[in-house]
PDB file of N, CA and C in Angstrom:
ATOM      1  N   UNK A   1     -11.473  10.503  -0.081  1.00  0.00           N
ATOM      2  CA  UNK A   1     -10.063  10.671  -0.349  1.00  0.00           C
ATOM      3  C   UNK A   1      -9.416  11.432   0.805  1.00  0.00           C
ATOM      4  N   UNK A   2      -8.191  11.144   1.084  1.00  0.00           N
ATOM      5  CA  UNK A   2      -7.513  11.842   2.164  1.00  0.00           C
ATOM      6  C   UNK A   2      -6.121  12.252   1.716  1.00  0.00           C
ATOM      7  N   UNK A   3      -5.598  13.254   2.395  1.00  0.00           N
ATOM      8  CA  UNK A   3      -4.290  13.790   2.086  1.00  0.00           C
ATOM      9  C   UNK A   3      -3.362  13.518   3.252  1.00  0.00           C
ATOM     10  N   UNK A   4      -2.170  13.009   3.003  1.00  0.00           N
ATOM     11  CA  UNK A   4      -1.191  12.743   4.049  1.00  0.00           C
ATOM     12  C   UNK A   4      -0.254  13.935   4.183  1.00  0.00           C
ATOM     13  N   UNK A   5       0.053  14.310   5.408  1.00  0.00           N
ATOM     14  CA  UNK A   5       0.967  15.400   5.688  1.00  0.00           C
ATOM     15  C   UNK A   5       2.114  14.860   6.521  1.00  0.00           C
ATOM     16  N   UNK A   6       3.296  15.363   6.285  1.00  0.00           N
ATOM     17  CA  UNK A   6       4.446  14.994   7.116  1.00  0.00           C
ATOM     18  C   UNK A   6       4.274  15.585   8.500  1.00  0.00           C
ATOM     19  N   UNK A   7       4.799  14.869   9.510  1.00  0.00           N
ATOM     20  CA  UNK A   7       4.751  15.383  10.874  1.00  0.00           C
ATOM     21  C   UNK A   7       5.435  16.748  10.919  1.00  0.00           C
ATOM     22  N   UNK A   8       4.800  17.697  11.552  1.00  0.00           N
ATOM     23  CA  UNK A   8       5.370  19.036  11.681  1.00  0.00           C
ATOM     24  C   UNK A   8       4.917  19.997  10.594  1.00  0.00           C
ATOM     25  N   UNK A   9       4.132  19.512   9.629  1.00  0.00           N
ATOM     26  CA  UNK A   9       3.625  20.382   8.577  1.00  0.00           C
ATOM     27  C   UNK A   9       2.664  21.395   9.176  1.00  0.00           C
ATOM     28  N   UNK A  10       2.802  22.657   8.770  1.00  0.00           N
ATOM     29  CA  UNK A  10       1.871  23.691   9.236  1.00  0.00           C
ATOM     30  C   UNK A  10       0.634  23.635   8.374  1.00  0.00           C
ATOM     31  N   UNK A  11      -0.467  23.186   8.972  1.00  0.00           N
ATOM     32  CA  UNK A  11      -1.697  23.036   8.209  1.00  0.00           C
ATOM     33  C   UNK A  11      -2.274  24.385   7.796  1.00  0.00           C
ATOM     34  N   UNK A  12      -1.942  25.440   8.521  1.00  0.00           N
ATOM     35  CA  UNK A  12      -2.446  26.754   8.151  1.00  0.00           C
ATOM     36  C   UNK A  12      -1.935  27.162   6.782  1.00  0.00           C
ATOM     37  N   UNK A  13      -0.788  26.635   6.367  1.00  0.00           N
ATOM     38  CA  UNK A  13      -0.267  26.981   5.051  1.00  0.00           C
ATOM     39  C   UNK A  13      -1.099  26.329   3.948  1.00  0.00           C
ATOM     40  N   UNK A  14      -1.930  25.364   4.285  1.00  0.00           N
ATOM     41  CA  UNK A  14      -2.827  24.738   3.315  1.00  0.00           C
ATOM     42  C   UNK A  14      -4.220  25.348   3.356  1.00  0.00           C
ATOM     43  N   UNK A  15      -4.425  26.337   4.181  1.00  0.00           N
ATOM     44  CA  UNK A  15      -5.726  27.007   4.263  1.00  0.00           C
ATOM     45  C   UNK A  15      -6.759  26.206   5.027  1.00  0.00           C
ATOM     46  N   UNK A  16      -6.337  25.400   5.980  1.00  0.00           N
ATOM     47  CA  UNK A  16      -7.263  24.575   6.743  1.00  0.00           C
ATOM     48  C   UNK A  16      -8.049  25.422   7.740  1.00  0.00           C
ATOM     49  N   UNK A  17      -9.383  25.281   7.701  1.00  0.00           N
ATOM     50  CA  UNK A  17     -10.238  25.971   8.655  1.00  0.00           C
ATOM     51  C   UNK A  17     -10.513  25.125   9.884  1.00  0.00           C
ATOM     52  N   UNK A  18     -10.631  23.796   9.701  1.00  0.00           N
ATOM     53  CA  UNK A  18     -10.932  22.886  10.801  1.00  0.00           C
ATOM     54  C   UNK A  18      -9.986  21.681  10.720  1.00  0.00           C
ATOM     55  N   UNK A  19      -9.472  21.280  11.869  1.00  0.00           N
ATOM     56  CA  UNK A  19      -8.673  20.051  11.984  1.00  0.00           C
ATOM     57  C   UNK A  19      -9.458  19.110  12.901  1.00  0.00           C
ATOM     58  N   UNK A  20      -9.794  17.943  12.389  1.00  0.00           N
ATOM     59  CA  UNK A  20     -10.505  16.944  13.170  1.00  0.00           C
ATOM     60  C   UNK A  20      -9.571  15.791  13.406  1.00  0.00           C
ATOM     61  N   UNK A  21      -9.349  15.452  14.669  1.00  0.00           N
ATOM     62  CA  UNK A  21      -8.453  14.362  15.028  1.00  0.00           C
ATOM     63  C   UNK A  21      -9.294  13.131  15.334  1.00  0.00           C
ATOM     64  N   UNK A  22      -9.117  12.101  14.519  1.00  0.00           N
ATOM     65  CA  UNK A  22      -9.833  10.852  14.700  1.00  0.00           C
ATOM     66  C   UNK A  22     -10.858  10.642  13.591  1.00  0.00           C
ATOM     67  N   UNK A  23     -10.603   9.662  12.745  1.00  0.00           N
ATOM     68  CA  UNK A  23     -11.504   9.368  11.622  1.00  0.00           C
ATOM     69  C   UNK A  23     -12.428   8.204  11.967  1.00  0.00           C
ATOM     70  N   UNK A  24     -12.901   8.195  13.207  1.00  0.00           N
ATOM     71  CA  UNK A  24     -13.928   7.233  13.579  1.00  0.00           C
ATOM     72  C   UNK A  24     -15.263   7.709  13.007  1.00  0.00           C
ATOM     73  N   UNK A  25     -16.325   7.087  13.445  1.00  0.00           N
ATOM     74  CA  UNK A  25     -17.644   7.433  12.905  1.00  0.00           C
ATOM     75  C   UNK A  25     -17.946   8.918  13.078  1.00  0.00           C
ATOM     76  N   UNK A  26     -17.802   9.430  14.288  1.00  0.00           N
ATOM     77  CA  UNK A  26     -18.141  10.831  14.550  1.00  0.00           C
ATOM     78  C   UNK A  26     -17.215  11.774  13.792  1.00  0.00           C
ATOM     79  N   UNK A  27     -15.929  11.483  13.758  1.00  0.00           N
ATOM     80  CA  UNK A  27     -14.989  12.350  13.049  1.00  0.00           C
ATOM     81  C   UNK A  27     -15.284  12.407  11.561  1.00  0.00           C
ATOM     82  N   UNK A  28     -15.595  11.261  10.956  1.00  0.00           N
ATOM     83  CA  UNK A  28     -15.913  11.227   9.530  1.00  0.00           C
ATOM     84  C   UNK A  28     -17.206  11.964   9.225  1.00  0.00           C
ATOM     85  N   UNK A  29     -18.230  11.792  10.068  1.00  0.00           N
ATOM     86  CA  UNK A  29     -19.487  12.490   9.839  1.00  0.00           C
ATOM     87  C   UNK A  29     -19.285  13.999   9.973  1.00  0.00           C
ATOM     88  N   UNK A  30     -18.556  14.415  11.002  1.00  0.00           N
ATOM     89  CA  UNK A  30     -18.301  15.835  11.197  1.00  0.00           C
ATOM     90  C   UNK A  30     -17.513  16.415  10.033  1.00  0.00           C
ATOM     91  N   UNK A  31     -16.481  15.725   9.571  1.00  0.00           N
ATOM     92  CA  UNK A  31     -15.693  16.207   8.430  1.00  0.00           C
ATOM     93  C   UNK A  31     -16.552  16.303   7.173  1.00  0.00           C
ATOM     94  N   UNK A  32     -17.420  15.322   6.971  1.00  0.00           N
ATOM     95  CA  UNK A  32     -18.300  15.337   5.801  1.00  0.00           C
ATOM     96  C   UNK A  32     -19.245  16.548   5.847  1.00  0.00           C
ATOM     97  N   UNK A  33     -19.848  16.761   7.002  1.00  0.00           N
ATOM     98  CA  UNK A  33     -20.812  17.855   7.128  1.00  0.00           C
ATOM     99  C   UNK A  33     -20.120  19.217   6.950  1.00  0.00           C
ATOM    100  N   UNK A  34     -18.951  19.377   7.573  1.00  0.00           N
ATOM    101  CA  UNK A  34     -18.242  20.659   7.448  1.00  0.00           C
ATOM    102  C   UNK A  34     -17.787  20.906   6.005  1.00  0.00           C
ATOM    103  N   UNK A  35     -17.359  19.842   5.330  1.00  0.00           N
ATOM    104  CA  UNK A  35     -16.836  20.001   3.973  1.00  0.00           C
ATOM    105  C   UNK A  35     -17.927  20.207   2.928  1.00  0.00           C
ATOM    106  N   UNK A  36     -19.208  20.136   3.314  1.00  0.00           N
ATOM    107  CA  UNK A  36     -20.283  20.431   2.374  1.00  0.00           C
ATOM    108  C   UNK A  36     -20.269  21.908   1.976  1.00  0.00           C
ATOM    109  N   UNK A  37     -19.690  22.739   2.831  1.00  0.00           N
ATOM    110  CA  UNK A  37     -19.541  24.151   2.508  1.00  0.00           C
ATOM    111  C   UNK A  37     -18.274  24.318   1.666  1.00  0.00           C
ATOM    112  N   UNK A  38     -18.391  24.756   0.402  1.00  0.00           N
ATOM    113  CA  UNK A  38     -17.231  24.843  -0.472  1.00  0.00           C
ATOM    114  C   UNK A  38     -16.192  25.871  -0.013  1.00  0.00           C
ATOM    115  N   UNK A  39     -16.559  26.764   0.905  1.00  0.00           N
ATOM    116  CA  UNK A  39     -15.633  27.774   1.396  1.00  0.00           C
ATOM    117  C   UNK A  39     -14.811  27.288   2.592  1.00  0.00           C
ATOM    118  N   UNK A  40     -15.054  26.059   3.024  1.00  0.00           N
ATOM    119  CA  UNK A  40     -14.387  25.514   4.208  1.00  0.00           C
ATOM    120  C   UNK A  40     -13.431  24.407   3.817  1.00  0.00           C
ATOM    121  N   UNK A  41     -12.221  24.479   4.352  1.00  0.00           N
ATOM    122  CA  UNK A  41     -11.190  23.436   4.136  1.00  0.00           C
ATOM    123  C   UNK A  41     -11.079  22.633   5.434  1.00  0.00           C
ATOM    124  N   UNK A  42     -11.289  21.318   5.361  1.00  0.00           N
ATOM    125  CA  UNK A  42     -11.266  20.451   6.533  1.00  0.00           C
ATOM    126  C   UNK A  42     -10.109  19.466   6.398  1.00  0.00           C
ATOM    127  N   UNK A  43      -9.361  19.280   7.480  1.00  0.00           N
ATOM    128  CA  UNK A  43      -8.313  18.263   7.517  1.00  0.00           C
ATOM    129  C   UNK A  43      -8.722  17.217   8.555  1.00  0.00           C
ATOM    130  N   UNK A  44      -8.740  15.961   8.141  1.00  0.00           N
ATOM    131  CA  UNK A  44      -9.127  14.841   9.014  1.00  0.00           C
ATOM    132  C   UNK A  44      -7.875  14.013   9.242  1.00  0.00           C
ATOM    133  N   UNK A  45      -7.499  13.836  10.509  1.00  0.00           N
ATOM    134  CA  UNK A  45      -6.275  13.110  10.872  1.00  0.00           C
ATOM    135  C   UNK A  45      -6.650  11.791  11.537  1.00  0.00           C
ATOM    136  N   UNK A  46      -6.070  10.689  11.050  1.00  0.00           N
ATOM    137  CA  UNK A  46      -6.285   9.371  11.633  1.00  0.00           C
ATOM    138  C   UNK A  46      -4.944   8.663  11.754  1.00  0.00           C
ATOM    139  N   UNK A  47      -4.613   8.201  12.945  1.00  0.00           N
ATOM    140  CA  UNK A  47      -3.341   7.532  13.168  1.00  0.00           C
ATOM    141  C   UNK A  47      -3.263   6.149  12.535  1.00  0.00           C
ATOM    142  N   UNK A  48      -4.409   5.493  12.407  1.00  0.00           N
ATOM    143  CA  UNK A  48      -4.388   4.113  11.959  1.00  0.00           C
ATOM    144  C   UNK A  48      -4.391   3.896  10.468  1.00  0.00           C
ATOM    145  N   UNK A  49      -4.873   4.833   9.676  1.00  0.00           N
ATOM    146  CA  UNK A  49      -4.882   4.666   8.238  1.00  0.00           C
ATOM    147  C   UNK A  49      -6.134   3.951   7.735  1.00  0.00           C
ATOM    148  N   UNK A  50      -6.141   3.616   6.447  1.00  0.00           N
ATOM    149  CA  UNK A  50      -7.324   2.998   5.855  1.00  0.00           C
ATOM    150  C   UNK A  50      -7.539   1.553   6.332  1.00  0.00           C
ATOM    151  N   UNK A  51      -8.778   1.104   6.276  1.00  0.00           N
ATOM    152  CA  UNK A  51      -9.128  -0.247   6.717  1.00  0.00           C
ATOM    153  C   UNK A  51      -8.943  -1.218   5.548  1.00  0.00           C
ATOM    154  N   UNK A  52      -7.701  -1.662   5.323  1.00  0.00           N
ATOM    155  CA  UNK A  52      -7.404  -2.525   4.188  1.00  0.00           C
ATOM    156  C   UNK A  52      -7.301  -4.009   4.552  1.00  0.00           C
ATOM    157  N   UNK A  53      -7.275  -4.332   5.831  1.00  0.00           N
ATOM    158  CA  UNK A  53      -7.192  -5.717   6.251  1.00  0.00           C
ATOM    159  C   UNK A  53      -8.483  -6.441   5.890  1.00  0.00           C
ATOM    160  N   UNK A  54      -8.443  -7.498   5.074  1.00  0.00           N
ATOM    161  CA  UNK A  54      -9.673  -8.186   4.645  1.00  0.00           C
ATOM    162  C   UNK A  54     -10.464  -8.797   5.805  1.00  0.00           C
ATOM    163  N   UNK A  55      -9.807  -9.063   6.932  1.00  0.00           N
ATOM    164  CA  UNK A  55     -10.501  -9.638   8.091  1.00  0.00           C
ATOM    165  C   UNK A  55     -11.564  -8.710   8.620  1.00  0.00           C
ATOM    166  N   UNK A  56     -11.382  -7.411   8.422  1.00  0.00           N
ATOM    167  CA  UNK A  56     -12.359  -6.426   8.933  1.00  0.00           C
ATOM    168  C   UNK A  56     -13.730  -6.640   8.312  1.00  0.00           C
ATOM    169  N   UNK A  57     -13.776  -7.045   7.066  1.00  0.00           N
ATOM    170  CA  UNK A  57     -15.054  -7.199   6.363  1.00  0.00           C
ATOM    171  C   UNK A  57     -15.678  -8.575   6.537  1.00  0.00           C
ATOM    172  N   UNK A  58     -15.012  -9.474   7.246  1.00  0.00           N
ATOM    173  CA  UNK A  58     -15.515 -10.834   7.460  1.00  0.00           C
ATOM    174  C   UNK A  58     -16.067 -10.940   8.877  1.00  0.00           C
ATOM    175  N   UNK A  59     -17.392 -11.019   9.063  1.00  0.00           N
ATOM    176  CA  UNK A  59     -17.959 -11.068  10.413  1.00  0.00           C
ATOM    177  C   UNK A  59     -17.425 -12.216  11.272  1.00  0.00           C
ATOM    178  N   UNK A  60     -17.012 -13.326  10.662  1.00  0.00           N
ATOM    179  CA  UNK A  60     -16.484 -14.446  11.450  1.00  0.00           C
ATOM    180  C   UNK A  60     -15.123 -14.125  12.063  1.00  0.00           C
ATOM    181  N   UNK A  61     -14.436 -13.134  11.505  1.00  0.00           N
ATOM    182  CA  UNK A  61     -13.107 -12.761  12.011  1.00  0.00           C
ATOM    183  C   UNK A  61     -13.148 -11.708  13.112  1.00  0.00           C
ATOM    184  N   UNK A  62     -14.363 -11.201  13.405  1.00  0.00           N
ATOM    185  CA  UNK A  62     -14.472 -10.107  14.384  1.00  0.00           C
ATOM    186  C   UNK A  62     -13.787 -10.415  15.697  1.00  0.00           C
ATOM    187  N   UNK A  63     -13.961 -11.582  16.311  1.00  0.00           N
ATOM    188  CA  UNK A  63     -13.296 -11.810  17.603  1.00  0.00           C
ATOM    189  C   UNK A  63     -11.770 -11.764  17.527  1.00  0.00           C
ATOM    190  N   UNK A  64     -11.212 -11.976  16.343  1.00  0.00           N
ATOM    191  CA  UNK A  64      -9.763 -12.056  16.193  1.00  0.00           C
ATOM    192  C   UNK A  64      -9.134 -10.693  15.897  1.00  0.00           C
ATOM    193  N   UNK A  65      -9.931  -9.675  15.741  1.00  0.00           N
ATOM    194  CA  UNK A  65      -9.376  -8.344  15.477  1.00  0.00           C
ATOM    195  C   UNK A  65      -8.767  -7.723  16.733  1.00  0.00           C
ATOM    196  N   UNK A  66      -9.275  -8.131  17.909  1.00  0.00           N
ATOM    197  CA  UNK A  66      -8.718  -7.619  19.167  1.00  0.00           C
ATOM    198  C   UNK A  66      -7.280  -8.051  19.300  1.00  0.00           C
ATOM    199  N   UNK A  67      -6.409  -7.084  19.519  1.00  0.00           N
ATOM    200  CA  UNK A  67      -4.991  -7.347  19.658  1.00  0.00           C
ATOM    201  C   UNK A  67      -4.246  -7.422  18.336  1.00  0.00           C
ATOM    202  N   UNK A  68      -4.941  -7.220  17.225  1.00  0.00           N
ATOM    203  CA  UNK A  68      -4.301  -7.260  15.924  1.00  0.00           C
ATOM    204  C   UNK A  68      -3.794  -5.862  15.560  1.00  0.00           C
ATOM    205  N   UNK A  69      -3.293  -5.716  14.358  1.00  0.00           N
ATOM    206  CA  UNK A  69      -2.769  -4.429  13.896  1.00  0.00           C
ATOM    207  C   UNK A  69      -3.819  -3.359  13.703  1.00  0.00           C
ATOM    208  N   UNK A  70      -5.108  -3.740  13.698  1.00  0.00           N
ATOM    209  CA  UNK A  70      -6.184  -2.759  13.533  1.00  0.00           C
ATOM    210  C   UNK A  70      -6.842  -2.408  14.864  1.00  0.00           C
ATOM    211  N   UNK A  71      -6.183  -2.744  15.972  1.00  0.00           N
ATOM    212  CA  UNK A  71      -6.685  -2.489  17.324  1.00  0.00           C
ATOM    213  C   UNK A  71      -5.628  -1.721  18.109  1.00  0.00           C
ATOM    214  N   UNK A  72      -6.052  -0.777  18.926  1.00  0.00           N
ATOM    215  CA  UNK A  72      -5.125  -0.021  19.732  1.00  0.00           C
ATOM    216  C   UNK A  72      -4.535  -0.839  20.888  1.00  0.00           C
ATOM    217  N   UNK A  73      -5.157  -1.946  21.254  1.00  0.00           N
ATOM    218  CA  UNK A  73      -4.627  -2.806  22.297  1.00  0.00           C
ATOM    219  C   UNK A  73      -4.865  -2.314  23.713  1.00  0.00           C
ATOM    220  N   UNK A  74      -5.912  -1.548  23.925  1.00  0.00           N
ATOM    221  CA  UNK A  74      -6.222  -1.045  25.266  1.00  0.00           C
ATOM    222  C   UNK A  74      -6.735  -2.182  26.160  1.00  0.00           C
ATOM    223  N   UNK A  75      -6.474  -2.028  27.477  1.00  0.00           N
ATOM    224  CA  UNK A  75      -6.975  -2.940  28.483  1.00  0.00           C
ATOM    225  C   UNK A  75      -7.567  -2.121  29.624  1.00  0.00           C
ATOM    226  N   UNK A  76      -8.536  -2.685  30.314  1.00  0.00           N
ATOM    227  CA  UNK A  76      -9.144  -1.983  31.428  1.00  0.00           C
ATOM    228  C   UNK A  76      -8.242  -2.086  32.660  1.00  0.00           C
ATOM    229  N   UNK A  77      -8.578  -1.312  33.665  1.00  0.00           N
ATOM    230  CA  UNK A  77      -7.980  -1.509  34.981  1.00  0.00           C
ATOM    231  C   UNK A  77      -8.712  -2.695  35.606  1.00  0.00           C
ATOM    232  N   UNK A  78      -8.176  -3.283  36.679  1.00  0.00           N
ATOM    233  CA  UNK A  78      -8.898  -4.403  37.305  1.00  0.00           C
ATOM    234  C   UNK A  78     -10.320  -3.999  37.682  1.00  0.00           C
ATOM    235  N   UNK A  79     -11.285  -4.840  37.323  1.00  0.00           N
ATOM    236  CA  UNK A  79     -12.695  -4.563  37.545  1.00  0.00           C
ATOM    237  C   UNK A  79     -13.197  -5.295  38.783  1.00  0.00           C
ATOM    238  N   UNK A  80     -13.651  -4.567  39.806  1.00  0.00           N
ATOM    239  CA  UNK A  80     -14.062  -5.210  41.041  1.00  0.00           C
ATOM    240  C   UNK A  80     -15.244  -6.169  40.872  1.00  0.00           C
ATOM    241  N   UNK A  81     -16.111  -5.925  39.921  1.00  0.00           N
ATOM    242  CA  UNK A  81     -17.309  -6.775  39.746  1.00  0.00           C
ATOM    243  C   UNK A  81     -17.056  -7.972  38.839  1.00  0.00           C
ATOM    244  N   UNK A  82     -15.811  -8.118  38.387  1.00  0.00           N
ATOM    245  CA  UNK A  82     -15.443  -9.342  37.618  1.00  0.00           C
ATOM    246  C   UNK A  82     -14.255  -9.995  38.321  1.00  0.00           C
ATOM    247  N   UNK A  83     -14.282  -9.937  39.651  1.00  0.00           N
ATOM    248  CA  UNK A  83     -13.274 -10.590  40.468  1.00  0.00           C
ATOM    249  C   UNK A  83     -11.863 -10.027  40.213  1.00  0.00           C
ATOM    250  N   UNK A  84     -11.796  -8.729  39.939  1.00  0.00           N
ATOM    251  CA  UNK A  84     -10.505  -8.065  39.762  1.00  0.00           C
ATOM    252  C   UNK A  84      -9.828  -8.329  38.430  1.00  0.00           C
ATOM    253  N   UNK A  85     -10.538  -8.917  37.476  1.00  0.00           N
ATOM    254  CA  UNK A  85      -9.914  -9.232  36.195  1.00  0.00           C
ATOM    255  C   UNK A  85      -9.720  -7.982  35.343  1.00  0.00           C
ATOM    256  N   UNK A  86      -8.703  -8.048  34.470  1.00  0.00           N
ATOM    257  CA  UNK A  86      -8.437  -7.000  33.487  1.00  0.00           C
ATOM    258  C   UNK A  86      -8.960  -7.507  32.161  1.00  0.00           C
ATOM    259  N   UNK A  87      -9.675  -6.646  31.411  1.00  0.00           N
ATOM    260  CA  UNK A  87     -10.311  -7.060  30.174  1.00  0.00           C
ATOM    261  C   UNK A  87      -9.753  -6.299  28.968  1.00  0.00           C
ATOM    262  N   UNK A  88      -9.766  -6.946  27.815  1.00  0.00           N
ATOM    263  CA  UNK A  88      -9.434  -6.249  26.563  1.00  0.00           C
ATOM    264  C   UNK A  88     -10.506  -5.203  26.335  1.00  0.00           C
ATOM    265  N   UNK A  89     -10.100  -4.081  25.745  1.00  0.00           N
ATOM    266  CA  UNK A  89     -11.033  -2.985  25.437  1.00  0.00           C
ATOM    267  C   UNK A  89     -10.765  -2.605  23.967  1.00  0.00           C
ATOM    268  N   UNK A  90     -11.350  -3.375  23.037  1.00  0.00           N
ATOM    269  CA  UNK A  90     -11.050  -3.159  21.624  1.00  0.00           C
ATOM    270  C   UNK A  90     -11.425  -1.770  21.132  1.00  0.00           C
ATOM    271  N   UNK A  91     -10.510  -1.148  20.418  1.00  0.00           N
ATOM    272  CA  UNK A  91     -10.729   0.164  19.819  1.00  0.00           C
ATOM    273  C   UNK A  91     -10.078   0.138  18.434  1.00  0.00           C
ATOM    274  N   UNK A  92     -10.862   0.479  17.434  1.00  0.00           N
ATOM    275  CA  UNK A  92     -10.400   0.406  16.040  1.00  0.00           C
ATOM    276  C   UNK A  92      -9.322   1.412  15.717  1.00  0.00           C
ATOM    277  N   UNK A  93      -8.209   0.934  15.182  1.00  0.00           N
ATOM    278  CA  UNK A  93      -7.083   1.769  14.796  1.00  0.00           C
ATOM    279  C   UNK A  93      -7.063   1.904  13.261  1.00  0.00           C
ATOM    280  N   UNK A  94      -8.195   2.292  12.699  1.00  0.00           N
ATOM    281  CA  UNK A  94      -8.363   2.459  11.257  1.00  0.00           C
ATOM    282  C   UNK A  94      -9.404   3.540  11.009  1.00  0.00           C
ATOM    283  N   UNK A  95      -9.508   3.981   9.762  1.00  0.00           N
ATOM    284  CA  UNK A  95     -10.586   4.889   9.415  1.00  0.00           C
ATOM    285  C   UNK A  95     -11.904   4.170   9.638  1.00  0.00           C
ATOM    286  N   UNK A  96     -12.806   4.799  10.337  1.00  0.00           N
ATOM    287  CA  UNK A  96     -14.051   4.151  10.721  1.00  0.00           C
ATOM    288  C   UNK A  96     -14.020   3.776  12.194  1.00  0.00           C
ATOM    289  N   UNK A  97     -12.839   3.750  12.778  1.00  0.00           N
ATOM    290  CA  UNK A  97     -12.667   3.535  14.218  1.00  0.00           C
ATOM    291  C   UNK A  97     -13.284   2.280  14.758  1.00  0.00           C
ATOM    292  N   UNK A  98     -13.948   2.407  15.893  1.00  0.00           N
ATOM    293  CA  UNK A  98     -14.519   1.252  16.595  1.00  0.00           C
ATOM    294  C   UNK A  98     -15.567   0.526  15.767  1.00  0.00           C
ATOM    295  N   UNK A  99     -16.240   1.222  14.870  1.00  0.00           N
ATOM    296  CA  UNK A  99     -17.259   0.548  14.073  1.00  0.00           C
ATOM    297  C   UNK A  99     -16.652  -0.574  13.228  1.00  0.00           C
ATOM    298  N   UNK A 100     -15.387  -0.469  12.882  1.00  0.00           N
ATOM    299  CA  UNK A 100     -14.751  -1.524  12.114  1.00  0.00           C
ATOM    300  C   UNK A 100     -14.638  -2.793  12.945  1.00  0.00           C
ATOM    301  N   UNK A 101     -14.543  -2.657  14.250  1.00  0.00           N
ATOM    302  CA  UNK A 101     -14.489  -3.811  15.159  1.00  0.00           C
ATOM    303  C   UNK A 101     -15.876  -4.283  15.538  1.00  0.00           C
ATOM    304  N   UNK A 102     -16.668  -3.349  16.048  1.00  0.00           N
ATOM    305  CA  UNK A 102     -17.837  -3.712  16.821  1.00  0.00           C
ATOM    306  C   UNK A 102     -19.103  -3.917  16.002  1.00  0.00           C
ATOM    307  N   UNK A 103     -19.186  -3.372  14.819  1.00  0.00           N
ATOM    308  CA  UNK A 103     -20.441  -3.544  14.080  1.00  0.00           C
ATOM    309  C   UNK A 103     -20.631  -5.003  13.697  1.00  0.00           C
ATOM    310  N   UNK A 104     -19.556  -5.712  13.395  1.00  0.00           N
ATOM    311  CA  UNK A 104     -19.709  -7.110  13.032  1.00  0.00           C
ATOM    312  C   UNK A 104     -20.142  -7.948  14.231  1.00  0.00           C
ATOM    313  N   UNK A 105     -19.636  -7.616  15.405  1.00  0.00           N
ATOM    314  CA  UNK A 105     -20.070  -8.330  16.595  1.00  0.00           C
ATOM    315  C   UNK A 105     -21.559  -8.132  16.862  1.00  0.00           C
ATOM    316  N   UNK A 106     -22.021  -6.886  16.686  1.00  0.00           N
ATOM    317  CA  UNK A 106     -23.435  -6.614  16.884  1.00  0.00           C
ATOM    318  C   UNK A 106     -24.279  -7.301  15.836  1.00  0.00           C
ATOM    319  N   UNK A 107     -23.820  -7.269  14.580  1.00  0.00           N
ATOM    320  CA  UNK A 107     -24.594  -7.913  13.495  1.00  0.00           C
ATOM    321  C   UNK A 107     -24.683  -9.400  13.677  1.00  0.00           C
ATOM    322  N   UNK A 108     -23.576 -10.031  14.086  1.00  0.00           N
ATOM    323  CA  UNK A 108     -23.610 -11.479  14.224  1.00  0.00           C
ATOM    324  C   UNK A 108     -24.479 -11.885  15.417  1.00  0.00           C
ATOM    325  N   UNK A 109     -24.467 -11.105  16.484  1.00  0.00           N
ATOM    326  CA  UNK A 109     -25.337 -11.424  17.625  1.00  0.00           C
ATOM    327  C   UNK A 109     -26.782 -11.206  17.241  1.00  0.00           C
ATOM    328  N   UNK A 110     -27.083 -10.162  16.516  1.00  0.00           N
ATOM    329  CA  UNK A 110     -28.458  -9.849  16.126  1.00  0.00           C
ATOM    330  C   UNK A 110     -29.020 -10.970  15.241  1.00  0.00           C
ATOM    331  N   UNK A 111     -28.199 -11.489  14.330  1.00  0.00           N
ATOM    332  CA  UNK A 111     -28.704 -12.508  13.426  1.00  0.00           C
ATOM    333  C   UNK A 111     -29.056 -13.809  14.145  1.00  0.00           C
ATOM    334  N   UNK A 112     -28.446 -14.064  15.295  1.00  0.00           N
ATOM    335  CA  UNK A 112     -28.741 -15.286  16.041  1.00  0.00           C
ATOM    336  C   UNK A 112     -30.115 -15.205  16.719  1.00  0.00           C
ATOM    337  N   UNK A 113     -30.657 -14.009  16.873  1.00  0.00           N
ATOM    338  CA  UNK A 113     -31.954 -13.851  17.530  1.00  0.00           C
ATOM    339  C   UNK A 113     -33.118 -14.152  16.572  1.00  0.00           C
ATOM    340  N   UNK A 114     -32.857 -14.176  15.283  1.00  0.00           N
ATOM    341  CA  UNK A 114     -33.948 -14.329  14.314  1.00  0.00           C
ATOM    342  C   UNK A 114     -33.939 -15.692  13.668  1.00  0.00           C
TER     343      UNK A 114
END
């Protein structure tokens, strides 16, 4: 469960001990571990929100998530070893972060090997 705060809210007034920015895999694990202590109040901030798009859970849709509403839309600088091309750099804009994009790509590639 998560709590939404209005922009400009003073988190210290809520008794927050730790503020974690980014609810990707590492941020969620860190928030979970810190919150195991009942004396600690943890606030986890994620710009993208919950992963409610059904395409995220469908491995066949993984290639189509790039450039969608659940992707930050990052691109690389021109890469000299790919003839100066610029490439998409998918990054998950949801709770769970990049794993929402990339785990399905890894799973689908792995299943083709067996």
